[in-house]
Amino acid sequence: MNNIDNQEVFNTSKKTRQQQKFLAVINLLLAAVSVTLLIVIITKILPLFEKGEQPENKTSHIIQVEVLNACGTAGLADKFTDLLRSKKFDVVKTGNFASFDIDNSFVIDRVGNKDYAYSLADSIGIPKSNVIQQFNKNYYLDVTLVIGKDFNNLLNQ
């Protein structure tokens, strides 16, 4: 009887070792999957927090832009021209808006393609609610940026 008990203990011990090996392999696989997911998440999220990264022109079309100063601060259209050109927009005209009392900057879609206007608005932090459409077949440009008194918020992004 003693021999049978020893054999049962041996078989039970052998099963336990097999189960432990199986669980160890499963744990290693889970750890590998977890590390892979963590790496993917980090590589997708970190670029969102990099201050130097700004959204650029998201269309394959080179968006032609008119920049108008609507707050009266001297040299502002030139500053925004440099900013937009660094983001791959083609600024073709600068000037002053009809008045200098505009509080909030806005973007005007001139050709009926709001994606162009949204791309510019996104690139400098103007909300989509500040994008309007005014078609003009005589214009040779896609979008007009009207810079209001909130320009510091846009330059600091």
Protein backbone atom coordinates (compact mmCIF):
# COMPACT_ATOMS: atom_id res chain seq x y z
CA MET A 1 0.00 0.00 0.00
CA ASN A 2 2.87 2.30 0.70
CA ASN A 3 4.12 1.83 -2.85
CA ILE A 4 0.71 2.91 -4.28
CA ASP A 5 0.69 6.03 -2.12
CA ASN A 6 4.17 6.98 -3.34
CA GLN A 7 3.11 6.51 -6.96
CA GLU A 8 0.02 8.72 -6.45
CA VAL A 9 2.16 11.41 -4.88
CA PHE A 10 4.61 11.15 -7.78
CA ASN A 11 1.80 11.40 -10.38
CA THR A 12 0.20 14.32 -8.54
CA SER A 13 3.58 16.06 -8.28
CA LYS A 14 4.17 15.50 -12.01
CA LYS A 15 0.74 16.98 -12.88
CA THR A 16 1.39 19.95 -10.62
CA ARG A 17 4.74 20.63 -12.34
CA GLN A 18 3.10 20.45 -15.75
CA GLN A 19 0.39 22.85 -14.64
CA GLN A 20 2.99 25.22 -13.22
CA LYS A 21 4.96 25.16 -16.49
CA PHE A 22 1.77 25.79 -18.46
CA LEU A 23 0.83 28.72 -16.21
CA ALA A 24 4.35 30.13 -16.46
CA VAL A 25 4.15 30.07 -20.28
CA ILE A 26 0.73 31.74 -20.20
CA ASN A 27 2.06 34.42 -17.83
CA LEU A 28 5.01 35.10 -20.14
CA LEU A 29 2.69 35.44 -23.14
CA LEU A 30 0.40 37.81 -21.24
CA ALA A 31 3.38 39.87 -20.15
CA ALA A 32 4.66 40.09 -23.74
CA VAL A 33 1.24 41.17 -25.02
CA SER A 34 0.95 43.75 -22.22
CA VAL A 35 4.38 45.22 -22.98
CA THR A 36 3.56 45.38 -26.71
CA LEU A 37 0.26 47.17 -26.04
CA LEU A 38 1.97 49.60 -23.69
CA ILE A 39 4.59 50.45 -26.32
CA VAL A 40 1.90 51.01 -28.97
CA ILE A 41 -0.12 53.25 -26.66
CA ILE A 42 2.93 55.30 -25.67
CA THR A 43 4.04 55.81 -29.27
CA LYS A 44 0.55 56.97 -30.24
CA ILE A 45 -0.01 59.31 -27.27
CA LEU A 46 3.42 60.94 -26.80
CA PRO A 47 3.37 62.88 -30.09
CA LEU A 48 0.15 64.56 -28.95
CA PHE A 49 2.00 66.19 -26.05
CA GLU A 50 5.03 67.43 -27.98
CA LYS A 51 4.79 71.19 -28.02
CA GLY A 52 6.83 71.61 -31.19
CA GLU A 53 4.47 69.45 -33.22
CA GLN A 54 1.66 71.44 -34.77
CA PRO A 55 -0.90 70.18 -37.22
CA GLU A 56 -0.07 71.16 -40.75
CA ASN A 57 -1.94 71.30 -44.01
CA LYS A 58 -3.74 67.94 -43.97
CA THR A 59 -4.72 67.93 -47.63
CA SER A 60 -2.59 67.07 -50.65
CA HIS A 61 -3.73 70.34 -52.26
CA ILE A 62 -1.54 73.36 -51.56
CA ILE A 63 -3.98 75.67 -49.84
CA GLN A 64 -3.72 79.28 -50.95
CA VAL A 65 -4.44 81.74 -48.16
CA GLU A 66 -5.19 85.41 -47.73
CA VAL A 67 -4.27 86.83 -44.29
CA LEU A 68 -6.15 89.90 -43.07
CA ASN A 69 -5.41 91.91 -39.93
CA ALA A 70 -8.68 92.73 -38.15
CA CYS A 71 -7.36 94.04 -34.84
CA GLY A 72 -4.98 96.84 -35.87
CA THR A 73 -1.76 95.44 -34.39
CA ALA A 74 1.05 96.40 -36.77
CA GLY A 75 2.93 93.56 -38.47
CA LEU A 76 0.45 90.90 -37.43
CA ALA A 77 -0.37 89.68 -40.94
CA ASP A 78 3.36 89.16 -41.56
CA LYS A 79 3.75 87.12 -38.37
CA PHE A 80 0.86 84.87 -39.38
CA THR A 81 2.21 84.62 -42.91
CA ASP A 82 5.48 83.23 -41.55
CA LEU A 83 3.60 80.86 -39.24
CA LEU A 84 1.34 79.55 -41.99
CA ARG A 85 4.17 79.13 -44.47
CA SER A 86 6.06 77.06 -41.91
CA LYS A 87 3.00 74.81 -41.86
CA LYS A 88 3.05 74.42 -45.66
CA PHE A 89 0.26 76.87 -46.50
CA ASP A 90 0.76 79.17 -49.50
CA VAL A 91 0.04 82.71 -48.33
CA VAL A 92 -0.61 84.68 -51.51
CA LYS A 93 -1.99 87.93 -50.11
CA THR A 94 -1.88 89.95 -46.89
CA GLY A 95 -3.64 93.11 -45.85
CA ASN A 96 -6.12 94.73 -43.50
CA PHE A 97 -9.71 93.70 -42.90
CA ALA A 98 -12.54 96.25 -43.37
CA SER A 99 -12.44 97.07 -39.63
CA PHE A 100 -10.11 96.65 -36.67
CA ASP A 101 -12.68 95.72 -34.03
CA ILE A 102 -12.94 91.95 -34.54
CA ASP A 103 -12.59 90.10 -31.24
CA ASN A 104 -12.33 86.48 -32.43
CA SER A 105 -10.30 85.28 -35.39
CA PHE A 106 -12.11 83.32 -38.06
CA VAL A 107 -11.52 81.53 -41.34
CA ILE A 108 -13.49 82.05 -44.55
CA ASP A 109 -13.87 79.25 -47.10
CA ARG A 110 -13.76 80.96 -50.50
CA VAL A 111 -14.12 77.95 -52.86
CA GLY A 112 -16.72 75.68 -51.26
CA ASN A 113 -14.30 73.19 -49.75
CA LYS A 114 -14.57 73.47 -45.98
CA ASP A 115 -11.78 70.90 -45.55
CA TYR A 116 -9.29 73.56 -46.67
CA ALA A 117 -10.68 76.04 -44.15
CA TYR A 118 -10.80 73.42 -41.37
CA SER A 119 -7.21 72.42 -42.09
CA LEU A 120 -6.02 76.00 -41.65
CA ALA A 121 -8.21 76.52 -38.56
CA ASP A 122 -6.94 73.32 -36.93
CA SER A 123 -3.33 74.21 -37.64
CA ILE A 124 -3.47 77.42 -35.55
CA GLY A 125 -6.13 76.57 -32.98
CA ILE A 126 -9.23 78.28 -34.36
CA PRO A 127 -12.39 76.33 -33.47
CA LYS A 128 -14.40 74.87 -36.35
CA SER A 129 -17.33 76.99 -35.23
CA ASN A 130 -15.32 80.01 -36.42
CA VAL A 131 -15.17 78.75 -40.01
CA ILE A 132 -17.63 80.33 -42.43
CA GLN A 133 -18.25 80.14 -46.16
CA GLN A 134 -18.31 83.09 -48.56
CA PHE A 135 -17.86 81.95 -52.14
CA ASN A 136 -16.24 84.30 -54.55
CA LYS A 137 -15.44 83.03 -58.07
CA ASN A 138 -13.25 86.08 -58.68
CA TYR A 139 -10.84 85.12 -55.87
CA TYR A 140 -7.75 83.19 -56.83
CA LEU A 141 -7.33 81.73 -53.34
CA ASP A 142 -8.94 79.03 -51.22
CA VAL A 143 -9.18 80.48 -47.72
CA THR A 144 -9.07 83.82 -45.92
CA LEU A 145 -7.76 84.09 -42.35
CA VAL A 146 -9.16 87.09 -40.48
CA ILE A 147 -7.02 87.77 -37.40
CA GLY A 148 -8.92 89.18 -34.43
CA LYS A 149 -7.91 90.49 -31.02
CA ASP A 150 -7.46 86.91 -29.78
CA PHE A 151 -4.30 86.55 -31.92
CA ASN A 152 -2.00 85.94 -28.91
CA ASN A 153 -3.86 82.70 -28.17
CA LEU A 154 -3.21 81.55 -31.72
CA LEU A 155 0.47 82.51 -31.83
CA ASN A 156 1.24 80.76 -28.53
CA GLN A 157 0.03 77.34 -29.60
